[in-house]
């Protein structure tokens, strides 16, 4: 029954959360990079980032 301890489960859960955060930040960086390369107004860049971030949160 090893691996079914509370500590083990908590560690696995924390690792999953870290992985999810990493994926989210990676997506955000990619979106921001795209927004920068297209060189729109600063305001629209922020709007795109905000909308995409909300979508990411809803999908998680």
PDB file of N, CA and C in Angstrom:
ATOM      1  N   UNK A   1       0.831  -1.211   0.000  1.00  0.00           N
ATOM      2  CA  UNK A   1       0.000   0.000   0.000  1.00  0.00           C
ATOM      3  C   UNK A   1       0.865   1.261   0.000  1.00  0.00           C
ATOM      4  N   UNK A   2       2.099   1.140  -0.397  1.00  0.00           N
ATOM      5  CA  UNK A   2       2.947   2.329  -0.462  1.00  0.00           C
ATOM      6  C   UNK A   2       2.495   3.199  -1.620  1.00  0.00           C
ATOM      7  N   UNK A   3       2.678   4.509  -1.469  1.00  0.00           N
ATOM      8  CA  UNK A   3       2.247   5.435  -2.516  1.00  0.00           C
ATOM      9  C   UNK A   3       0.829   5.921  -2.289  1.00  0.00           C
ATOM     10  N   UNK A   4       0.134   5.334  -1.318  1.00  0.00           N
ATOM     11  CA  UNK A   4      -1.229   5.786  -1.026  1.00  0.00           C
ATOM     12  C   UNK A   4      -1.275   6.607   0.252  1.00  0.00           C
ATOM     13  N   UNK A   5      -0.090   7.067   0.679  1.00  0.00           N
ATOM     14  CA  UNK A   5      -0.046   7.902   1.874  1.00  0.00           C
ATOM     15  C   UNK A   5      -0.531   9.300   1.526  1.00  0.00           C
ATOM     16  N   UNK A   6      -0.940  10.034   2.532  1.00  0.00           N
ATOM     17  CA  UNK A   6      -1.421  11.408   2.313  1.00  0.00           C
ATOM     18  C   UNK A   6      -0.319  12.266   1.700  1.00  0.00           C
ATOM     19  N   UNK A   7       0.893  12.087   2.186  1.00  0.00           N
ATOM     20  CA  UNK A   7       2.023  12.893   1.698  1.00  0.00           C
ATOM     21  C   UNK A   7       2.234  12.633   0.207  1.00  0.00           C
ATOM     22  N   UNK A   8       2.204  11.377  -0.180  1.00  0.00           N
ATOM     23  CA  UNK A   8       2.411  11.016  -1.586  1.00  0.00           C
ATOM     24  C   UNK A   8       1.356  11.638  -2.481  1.00  0.00           C
ATOM     25  N   UNK A   9       0.102  11.555  -2.054  1.00  0.00           N
ATOM     26  CA  UNK A   9      -0.989  12.127  -2.846  1.00  0.00           C
ATOM     27  C   UNK A   9      -0.864  13.642  -2.947  1.00  0.00           C
ATOM     28  N   UNK A  10      -0.494  14.273  -1.838  1.00  0.00           N
ATOM     29  CA  UNK A  10      -0.350  15.728  -1.820  1.00  0.00           C
ATOM     30  C   UNK A  10       0.754  16.146  -2.786  1.00  0.00           C
ATOM     31  N   UNK A  11       1.870  15.401  -2.783  1.00  0.00           N
ATOM     32  CA  UNK A  11       2.994  15.723  -3.663  1.00  0.00           C
ATOM     33  C   UNK A  11       2.569  15.605  -5.111  1.00  0.00           C
ATOM     34  N   UNK A  12       1.870  14.541  -5.446  1.00  0.00           N
ATOM     35  CA  UNK A  12       1.408  14.333  -6.816  1.00  0.00           C
ATOM     36  C   UNK A  12       0.474  15.459  -7.232  1.00  0.00           C
ATOM     37  N   UNK A  13      -0.393  15.852  -6.319  1.00  0.00           N
ATOM     38  CA  UNK A  13      -1.358  16.921  -6.604  1.00  0.00           C
ATOM     39  C   UNK A  13      -0.631  18.246  -6.849  1.00  0.00           C
ATOM     40  N   UNK A  14       0.358  18.544  -5.988  1.00  0.00           N
ATOM     41  CA  UNK A  14       1.137  19.783  -6.133  1.00  0.00           C
ATOM     42  C   UNK A  14       1.880  19.792  -7.460  1.00  0.00           C
ATOM     43  N   UNK A  15       2.454  18.658  -7.833  1.00  0.00           N
ATOM     44  CA  UNK A  15       3.175  18.572  -9.102  1.00  0.00           C
ATOM     45  C   UNK A  15       2.236  18.843 -10.269  1.00  0.00           C
ATOM     46  N   UNK A  16       1.018  18.316 -10.184  1.00  0.00           N
ATOM     47  CA  UNK A  16       0.035  18.521 -11.247  1.00  0.00           C
ATOM     48  C   UNK A  16      -0.312  20.005 -11.355  1.00  0.00           C
ATOM     49  N   UNK A  17      -0.489  20.667 -10.191  1.00  0.00           N
ATOM     50  CA  UNK A  17      -0.802  22.092 -10.184  1.00  0.00           C
ATOM     51  C   UNK A  17       0.326  22.897 -10.805  1.00  0.00           C
ATOM     52  N   UNK A  18       1.578  22.550 -10.448  1.00  0.00           N
ATOM     53  CA  UNK A  18       2.748  23.253 -10.990  1.00  0.00           C
ATOM     54  C   UNK A  18       2.788  23.089 -12.502  1.00  0.00           C
ATOM     55  N   UNK A  19       2.504  21.876 -12.971  1.00  0.00           N
ATOM     56  CA  UNK A  19       2.521  21.588 -14.401  1.00  0.00           C
ATOM     57  C   UNK A  19       1.464  22.418 -15.116  1.00  0.00           C
ATOM     58  N   UNK A  20       0.262  22.491 -14.522  1.00  0.00           N
ATOM     59  CA  UNK A  20      -0.827  23.276 -15.105  1.00  0.00           C
ATOM     60  C   UNK A  20      -0.424  24.740 -15.195  1.00  0.00           C
ATOM     61  N   UNK A  21       0.171  25.265 -14.100  1.00  0.00           N
ATOM     62  CA  UNK A  21       0.604  26.666 -14.090  1.00  0.00           C
ATOM     63  C   UNK A  21       1.637  26.908 -15.180  1.00  0.00           C
ATOM     64  N   UNK A  22       2.571  25.940 -15.339  1.00  0.00           N
ATOM     65  CA  UNK A  22       3.629  26.086 -16.327  1.00  0.00           C
ATOM     66  C   UNK A  22       3.023  26.153 -17.733  1.00  0.00           C
ATOM     67  N   UNK A  23       2.050  25.280 -17.997  1.00  0.00           N
ATOM     68  CA  UNK A  23       1.388  25.264 -19.303  1.00  0.00           C
ATOM     69  C   UNK A  23       0.682  26.592 -19.543  1.00  0.00           C
ATOM     70  N   UNK A  24      -0.018  27.090 -18.519  1.00  0.00           N
ATOM     71  CA  UNK A  24      -0.743  28.354 -18.650  1.00  0.00           C
ATOM     72  C   UNK A  24       0.212  29.505 -18.952  1.00  0.00           C
ATOM     73  N   UNK A  25       1.310  29.591 -18.194  1.00  0.00           N
ATOM     74  CA  UNK A  25       2.246  30.696 -18.402  1.00  0.00           C
ATOM     75  C   UNK A  25       2.917  30.574 -19.765  1.00  0.00           C
ATOM     76  N   UNK A  26       3.163  29.338 -20.203  1.00  0.00           N
ATOM     77  CA  UNK A  26       3.759  29.112 -21.514  1.00  0.00           C
ATOM     78  C   UNK A  26       2.819  29.631 -22.604  1.00  0.00           C
ATOM     79  N   UNK A  27       1.539  29.334 -22.470  1.00  0.00           N
ATOM     80  CA  UNK A  27       0.530  29.813 -23.428  1.00  0.00           C
ATOM     81  C   UNK A  27       0.479  31.335 -23.415  1.00  0.00           C
ATOM     82  N   UNK A  28       0.488  31.923 -22.220  1.00  0.00           N
ATOM     83  CA  UNK A  28       0.438  33.375 -22.099  1.00  0.00           C
ATOM     84  C   UNK A  28       1.639  34.018 -22.785  1.00  0.00           C
ATOM     85  N   UNK A  29       2.834  33.450 -22.545  1.00  0.00           N
ATOM     86  CA  UNK A  29       4.048  33.990 -23.162  1.00  0.00           C
ATOM     87  C   UNK A  29       3.962  33.918 -24.677  1.00  0.00           C
ATOM     88  N   UNK A  30       3.443  32.818 -25.187  1.00  0.00           N
ATOM     89  CA  UNK A  30       3.322  32.633 -26.632  1.00  0.00           C
ATOM     90  C   UNK A  30       2.357  33.667 -27.214  1.00  0.00           C
ATOM     91  N   UNK A  31       1.223  33.871 -26.516  1.00  0.00           N
ATOM     92  CA  UNK A  31       0.212  34.832 -26.983  1.00  0.00           C
ATOM     93  C   UNK A  31       0.787  36.241 -26.963  1.00  0.00           C
ATOM     94  N   UNK A  32       1.485  36.582 -25.880  1.00  0.00           N
ATOM     95  CA  UNK A  32       2.068  37.919 -25.762  1.00  0.00           C
ATOM     96  C   UNK A  32       3.130  38.139 -26.831  1.00  0.00           C
ATOM     97  N   UNK A  33       3.921  37.090 -27.115  1.00  0.00           N
ATOM     98  CA  UNK A  33       4.955  37.198 -28.135  1.00  0.00           C
ATOM     99  C   UNK A  33       4.308  37.452 -29.502  1.00  0.00           C
ATOM    100  N   UNK A  34       3.233  36.720 -29.769  1.00  0.00           N
ATOM    101  CA  UNK A  34       2.494  36.910 -31.026  1.00  0.00           C
ATOM    102  C   UNK A  34       1.952  38.333 -31.108  1.00  0.00           C
ATOM    103  N   UNK A  35       1.387  38.803 -30.001  1.00  0.00           N
ATOM    104  CA  UNK A  35       0.813  40.145 -29.965  1.00  0.00           C
ATOM    105  C   UNK A  35       1.895  41.197 -30.220  1.00  0.00           C
ATOM    106  N   UNK A  36       3.097  40.953 -29.679  1.00  0.00           N
ATOM    107  CA  UNK A  36       4.195  41.908 -29.856  1.00  0.00           C
ATOM    108  C   UNK A  36       4.692  41.911 -31.300  1.00  0.00           C
ATOM    109  N   UNK A  37       4.767  40.736 -31.909  1.00  0.00           N
ATOM    110  CA  UNK A  37       5.311  40.659 -33.264  1.00  0.00           C
ATOM    111  C   UNK A  37       4.370  41.307 -34.277  1.00  0.00           C
ATOM    112  N   UNK A  38       3.058  41.253 -34.026  1.00  0.00           N
ATOM    113  CA  UNK A  38       2.109  41.891 -34.945  1.00  0.00           C
ATOM    114  C   UNK A  38       2.086  43.406 -34.744  1.00  0.00           C
ATOM    115  N   UNK A  39       2.644  43.884 -33.616  1.00  0.00           N
ATOM    116  CA  UNK A  39       2.746  45.308 -33.282  1.00  0.00           C
ATOM    117  C   UNK A  39       1.418  46.063 -33.390  1.00  0.00           C
ATOM    118  N   UNK A  40       0.396  45.637 -32.638  1.00  0.00           N
ATOM    119  CA  UNK A  40      -0.831  46.433 -32.591  1.00  0.00           C
ATOM    120  C   UNK A  40      -0.692  47.504 -31.521  1.00  0.00           C
ATOM    121  N   UNK A  41      -1.748  48.223 -31.249  1.00  0.00           N
ATOM    122  CA  UNK A  41      -1.726  49.200 -30.152  1.00  0.00           C
ATOM    123  C   UNK A  41      -1.530  48.449 -28.836  1.00  0.00           C
ATOM    124  N   UNK A  42      -0.921  49.105 -27.863  1.00  0.00           N
ATOM    125  CA  UNK A  42      -0.644  48.477 -26.564  1.00  0.00           C
ATOM    126  C   UNK A  42      -1.944  48.005 -25.919  1.00  0.00           C
ATOM    127  N   UNK A  43      -2.977  48.805 -26.050  1.00  0.00           N
ATOM    128  CA  UNK A  43      -4.270  48.491 -25.437  1.00  0.00           C
ATOM    129  C   UNK A  43      -4.820  47.172 -25.972  1.00  0.00           C
ATOM    130  N   UNK A  44      -4.765  46.985 -27.294  1.00  0.00           N
ATOM    131  CA  UNK A  44      -5.312  45.761 -27.884  1.00  0.00           C
ATOM    132  C   UNK A  44      -4.478  44.549 -27.471  1.00  0.00           C
ATOM    133  N   UNK A  45      -3.160  44.745 -27.301  1.00  0.00           N
ATOM    134  CA  UNK A  45      -2.293  43.661 -26.831  1.00  0.00           C
ATOM    135  C   UNK A  45      -2.754  43.197 -25.457  1.00  0.00           C
ATOM    136  N   UNK A  46      -3.027  44.167 -24.587  1.00  0.00           N
ATOM    137  CA  UNK A  46      -3.495  43.845 -23.235  1.00  0.00           C
ATOM    138  C   UNK A  46      -4.856  43.157 -23.296  1.00  0.00           C
ATOM    139  N   UNK A  47      -5.714  43.621 -24.180  1.00  0.00           N
ATOM    140  CA  UNK A  47      -7.049  43.034 -24.314  1.00  0.00           C
ATOM    141  C   UNK A  47      -6.948  41.583 -24.775  1.00  0.00           C
ATOM    142  N   UNK A  48      -6.098  41.331 -25.773  1.00  0.00           N
ATOM    143  CA  UNK A  48      -5.899  39.967 -26.289  1.00  0.00           C
ATOM    144  C   UNK A  48      -5.383  39.068 -25.169  1.00  0.00           C
ATOM    145  N   UNK A  49      -4.399  39.554 -24.418  1.00  0.00           N
ATOM    146  CA  UNK A  49      -3.819  38.778 -23.324  1.00  0.00           C
ATOM    147  C   UNK A  49      -4.875  38.472 -22.265  1.00  0.00           C
ATOM    148  N   UNK A  50      -5.678  39.478 -21.935  1.00  0.00           N
ATOM    149  CA  UNK A  50      -6.707  39.307 -20.904  1.00  0.00           C
ATOM    150  C   UNK A  50      -7.747  38.279 -21.334  1.00  0.00           C
ATOM    151  N   UNK A  51      -8.234  38.411 -22.563  1.00  0.00           N
ATOM    152  CA  UNK A  51      -9.257  37.494 -23.071  1.00  0.00           C
ATOM    153  C   UNK A  51      -8.722  36.070 -23.113  1.00  0.00           C
ATOM    154  N   UNK A  52      -7.504  35.907 -23.633  1.00  0.00           N
ATOM    155  CA  UNK A  52      -6.914  34.569 -23.740  1.00  0.00           C
ATOM    156  C   UNK A  52      -6.686  33.979 -22.350  1.00  0.00           C
ATOM    157  N   UNK A  53      -6.312  34.812 -21.397  1.00  0.00           N
ATOM    158  CA  UNK A  53      -6.081  34.345 -20.033  1.00  0.00           C
ATOM    159  C   UNK A  53      -7.390  33.858 -19.418  1.00  0.00           C
ATOM    160  N   UNK A  54      -8.467  34.595 -19.644  1.00  0.00           N
ATOM    161  CA  UNK A  54      -9.789  34.204 -19.127  1.00  0.00           C
ATOM    162  C   UNK A  54     -10.203  32.860 -19.742  1.00  0.00           C
ATOM    163  N   UNK A  55      -9.961  32.716 -21.045  1.00  0.00           N
ATOM    164  CA  UNK A  55     -10.297  31.460 -21.728  1.00  0.00           C
ATOM    165  C   UNK A  55      -9.513  30.309 -21.113  1.00  0.00           C
ATOM    166  N   UNK A  56      -8.215  30.536 -20.838  1.00  0.00           N
ATOM    167  CA  UNK A  56      -7.373  29.499 -20.235  1.00  0.00           C
ATOM    168  C   UNK A  56      -7.918  29.090 -18.865  1.00  0.00           C
ATOM    169  N   UNK A  57      -8.320  30.077 -18.075  1.00  0.00           N
ATOM    170  CA  UNK A  57      -8.847  29.802 -16.730  1.00  0.00           C
ATOM    171  C   UNK A  57     -10.135  28.973 -16.842  1.00  0.00           C
ATOM    172  N   UNK A  58     -10.997  29.345 -17.765  1.00  0.00           N
ATOM    173  CA  UNK A  58     -12.265  28.630 -17.930  1.00  0.00           C
ATOM    174  C   UNK A  58     -12.037  27.197 -18.409  1.00  0.00           C
ATOM    175  N   UNK A  59     -11.022  26.991 -19.237  1.00  0.00           N
ATOM    176  CA  UNK A  59     -10.734  25.646 -19.747  1.00  0.00           C
ATOM    177  C   UNK A  59     -10.121  24.749 -18.681  1.00  0.00           C
ATOM    178  N   UNK A  60      -9.413  25.320 -17.722  1.00  0.00           N
ATOM    179  CA  UNK A  60      -8.724  24.522 -16.699  1.00  0.00           C
ATOM    180  C   UNK A  60      -9.719  23.819 -15.783  1.00  0.00           C
TER     181      UNK A  60
END
